[in-house]
Amino acid sequence: MELFLASTSAVAKFEEVITSFWQDPIDDDHVALTDAAIRDAEEKLGVRLPASLLRLLRVRNGGRVADRWDAFPVEGSTWSEHHACFDYLDGILDEDGSSVIDTPYLVQEWELPAPVVLLNGDGHWWVALDYRACGPTGEPSVVEINSDGPVVLFLASDFESFVEGLTSSEQFLIDD
C-alpha cells in the first residue's frame, strides 16, 4: 500500500464553516443525532469519533455539503488532479440510508485498510478517518483511499483541520 502526503492551508476557521456547512436547510423530518446513537455507533465501529465530527452531525446528521465546502485541495487525488471530493458527509443512521456504521461491511467488501471510518465515497474512492496510527481512542487523521490500490493519500492531521481546509470545487473546474 502506498501513502502519499499532501500539504494544505486552512481556508476558514471551524466555527465559520460549521454555520454554513450543510447544503439543505434543516427541517422537522431531520433524524436528530442522539447520545445513544453516538454510543451505539462508536461501539459498532470500535473507535471514538472526533468531537468536531459529532458537532457537525449534531447540526445535521448527514447529508449534502454546501457547494462552498465541497472540495479539499490536494494534488494526486483519485477524484481529480487538484482536489478530493467532499460533497456529502455520511451521518449516523442518516435519513438517506447511508451511514458511517456501514464502514465495517464496506471495508471488507472493498478490501480497504483498517481501522478507518468512511465519511464519503463511491467504492472506488473514499474520504475516511484513519485510526491506524492513533489507535481507537486517538484523534484520527483524514485520508483519501483509492480502493484500486489501495493507495492512501493523507489529507489532514485531524477532522477539524480537514473541515477548515475545505473550499469550493468550482475553483478547480478550469484546472481539471
Protein backbone atom coordinates (compact mmCIF):
# COMPACT_ATOMS: atom_id res chain seq x y z
CA MET A 1 0.00 0.00 0.00
CA GLU A 2 1.35 3.42 -0.95
CA LEU A 3 0.96 6.51 1.23
CA PHE A 4 1.16 9.98 -0.28
CA LEU A 5 1.36 13.22 1.69
CA ALA A 6 -0.19 16.49 0.65
CA SER A 7 0.11 19.94 2.16
CA THR A 8 -2.82 22.28 2.62
CA SER A 9 -3.50 25.69 4.05
CA ALA A 10 -6.52 26.47 6.20
CA VAL A 11 -9.20 28.41 4.35
CA ALA A 12 -11.60 29.11 7.21
CA LYS A 13 -11.92 28.51 10.93
CA PHE A 14 -14.07 25.58 12.04
CA GLU A 15 -16.60 27.87 13.73
CA GLU A 16 -17.10 29.74 10.45
CA VAL A 17 -17.56 26.56 8.43
CA ILE A 18 -19.96 24.85 10.85
CA THR A 19 -22.56 27.61 10.45
CA SER A 20 -22.80 27.12 6.67
CA PHE A 21 -21.59 23.54 6.18
CA TRP A 22 -24.82 21.85 5.06
CA GLN A 23 -26.42 22.34 1.61
CA ASP A 24 -30.05 21.82 2.52
CA PRO A 25 -31.89 23.67 5.26
CA ILE A 26 -32.58 21.70 8.41
CA ASP A 27 -36.22 20.62 8.58
CA ASP A 28 -38.51 18.85 11.03
CA ASP A 29 -38.08 15.49 9.22
CA HIS A 30 -34.37 15.54 10.05
CA VAL A 31 -33.19 12.49 12.04
CA ALA A 32 -31.54 14.08 15.06
CA LEU A 33 -28.32 12.65 16.42
CA THR A 34 -28.69 11.34 19.96
CA ASP A 35 -26.10 10.42 22.57
CA ALA A 36 -27.40 6.83 22.41
CA ALA A 37 -26.86 6.70 18.63
CA ILE A 38 -23.30 8.01 19.09
CA ARG A 39 -22.53 5.38 21.76
CA ASP A 40 -24.00 2.65 19.55
CA ALA A 41 -22.01 3.79 16.51
CA GLU A 42 -18.75 4.00 18.45
CA GLU A 43 -19.33 0.53 19.87
CA LYS A 44 -20.06 -0.95 16.43
CA LEU A 45 -17.10 0.83 14.85
CA GLY A 46 -14.74 0.12 17.75
CA VAL A 47 -13.47 3.72 17.82
CA ARG A 48 -14.10 7.09 19.43
CA LEU A 49 -15.45 9.53 16.84
CA PRO A 50 -13.85 13.01 16.77
CA ALA A 51 -15.69 15.71 18.73
CA SER A 52 -15.56 18.04 15.71
CA LEU A 53 -17.32 15.45 13.52
CA LEU A 54 -20.00 14.98 16.16
CA ARG A 55 -20.52 18.76 16.37
CA LEU A 56 -21.30 18.85 12.62
CA LEU A 57 -23.54 15.79 12.86
CA ARG A 58 -25.49 17.34 15.75
CA VAL A 59 -26.38 20.24 13.43
CA ARG A 60 -27.48 17.78 10.72
CA ASN A 61 -27.00 14.04 10.89
CA GLY A 62 -25.54 13.58 7.41
CA GLY A 63 -26.36 14.96 4.01
CA ARG A 64 -25.14 17.15 1.17
CA VAL A 65 -22.34 19.56 1.93
CA ALA A 66 -22.80 23.18 0.79
CA ASP A 67 -21.09 23.99 -2.51
CA ARG A 68 -18.64 26.36 -0.82
CA TRP A 69 -17.20 23.46 1.26
CA ASP A 70 -17.38 20.50 -1.21
CA ALA A 71 -13.68 20.04 -2.04
CA PHE A 72 -10.34 19.60 -0.32
CA PRO A 73 -7.32 20.95 -2.21
CA VAL A 74 -4.74 18.22 -2.76
CA GLU A 75 -2.53 17.05 -5.60
CA GLY A 76 -2.87 13.46 -6.78
CA SER A 77 -6.41 12.75 -5.65
CA THR A 78 -8.35 9.86 -7.11
CA TRP A 79 -11.22 12.26 -7.72
CA SER A 80 -9.33 14.90 -9.71
CA GLU A 81 -5.88 16.25 -10.33
CA HIS A 82 -6.15 19.06 -7.77
CA HIS A 83 -8.80 18.20 -5.16
CA ALA A 84 -10.60 15.50 -3.24
CA CYS A 85 -14.39 15.47 -3.47
CA PHE A 86 -16.34 16.01 -0.26
CA ASP A 87 -19.87 16.81 -1.44
CA TYR A 88 -21.60 14.53 1.07
CA LEU A 89 -20.98 13.54 4.69
CA ASP A 90 -22.48 10.29 5.91
CA GLY A 91 -24.23 10.60 9.24
CA ILE A 92 -25.03 8.11 11.94
CA LEU A 93 -28.20 6.49 10.65
CA ASP A 94 -28.98 9.50 8.45
CA GLU A 95 -32.24 9.89 6.56
CA ASP A 96 -30.73 8.95 3.18
CA GLY A 97 -29.83 5.49 4.44
CA SER A 98 -26.05 5.80 4.18
CA SER A 99 -24.21 5.76 7.46
CA VAL A 100 -20.74 5.63 8.92
CA ILE A 101 -21.98 2.44 10.60
CA ASP A 102 -21.73 0.75 7.18
CA THR A 103 -17.93 1.06 7.39
CA PRO A 104 -17.08 -2.49 8.58
CA TYR A 105 -19.04 -4.04 5.71
CA LEU A 106 -17.60 -1.63 3.12
CA VAL A 107 -14.01 -2.08 4.37
CA GLN A 108 -14.37 -5.83 3.92
CA GLU A 109 -16.20 -5.55 0.57
CA TRP A 110 -13.64 -3.17 -0.97
CA GLU A 111 -10.59 -4.63 0.85
CA LEU A 112 -9.70 -1.30 2.43
CA PRO A 113 -7.11 -0.73 5.15
CA ALA A 114 -8.43 -0.77 8.71
CA PRO A 115 -9.27 0.63 11.13
CA VAL A 116 -10.92 3.50 9.28
CA VAL A 117 -14.33 5.18 9.34
CA LEU A 118 -15.68 6.03 5.90
CA LEU A 119 -17.20 9.52 5.62
CA ASN A 120 -17.86 9.82 1.88
CA GLY A 121 -17.14 7.82 -1.24
CA ASP A 122 -18.38 5.60 -4.02
CA GLY A 123 -16.48 2.34 -3.74
CA HIS A 124 -13.50 3.27 -5.89
CA TRP A 125 -12.51 6.19 -3.64
CA TRP A 126 -13.30 7.17 -0.06
CA VAL A 127 -12.63 10.04 2.33
CA ALA A 128 -12.08 8.44 5.72
CA LEU A 129 -10.95 8.90 9.29
CA ASP A 130 -7.74 6.86 9.64
CA TYR A 131 -7.18 5.26 13.05
CA ARG A 132 -4.18 3.14 12.05
CA ALA A 133 -1.57 5.41 13.68
CA CYS A 134 -3.56 6.81 16.62
CA GLY A 135 -5.49 3.74 17.78
CA PRO A 136 -9.22 3.50 18.51
CA THR A 137 -9.35 6.29 21.11
CA GLY A 138 -6.92 8.70 19.46
CA GLU A 139 -7.52 11.61 17.10
CA PRO A 140 -7.61 10.12 13.59
CA SER A 141 -6.14 11.75 10.52
CA VAL A 142 -8.26 12.24 7.39
CA VAL A 143 -7.24 10.40 4.23
CA GLU A 144 -8.49 9.64 0.76
CA ILE A 145 -8.37 5.94 -0.11
CA ASN A 146 -8.22 4.78 -3.70
CA SER A 147 -9.59 1.25 -3.37
CA ASP A 148 -7.95 0.11 -6.60
CA GLY A 149 -4.53 0.05 -4.85
CA PRO A 150 -5.35 0.61 -2.20
CA VAL A 151 -3.48 3.90 -2.22
CA VAL A 152 -3.87 6.17 0.79
CA LEU A 153 -3.47 9.94 0.33
CA PHE A 154 -3.01 11.96 3.52
CA LEU A 155 -5.36 14.99 3.63
CA ALA A 156 -5.29 16.40 7.18
CA SER A 157 -3.97 15.59 10.64
CA ASP A 158 -7.48 15.65 12.15
CA PHE A 159 -11.10 16.19 11.16
CA GLU A 160 -11.28 19.81 12.33
CA SER A 161 -8.23 20.72 10.21
CA PHE A 162 -9.79 18.89 7.28
CA VAL A 163 -13.01 20.92 7.60
CA GLU A 164 -11.02 24.15 7.88
CA GLY A 165 -9.25 23.25 4.63
CA LEU A 166 -12.44 22.67 2.64
CA THR A 167 -13.25 25.00 -0.24
CA SER A 168 -15.50 25.14 -3.30
CA SER A 169 -14.89 22.67 -6.13
CA GLU A 170 -15.84 25.43 -8.59
CA GLN A 171 -12.34 26.91 -8.34
CA PHE A 172 -10.94 23.68 -9.79
CA LEU A 173 -13.24 23.41 -12.81
CA ILE A 174 -10.87 25.33 -15.09
CA ASP A 175 -7.83 23.35 -13.95
CA ASP A 176 -9.42 19.88 -14.05
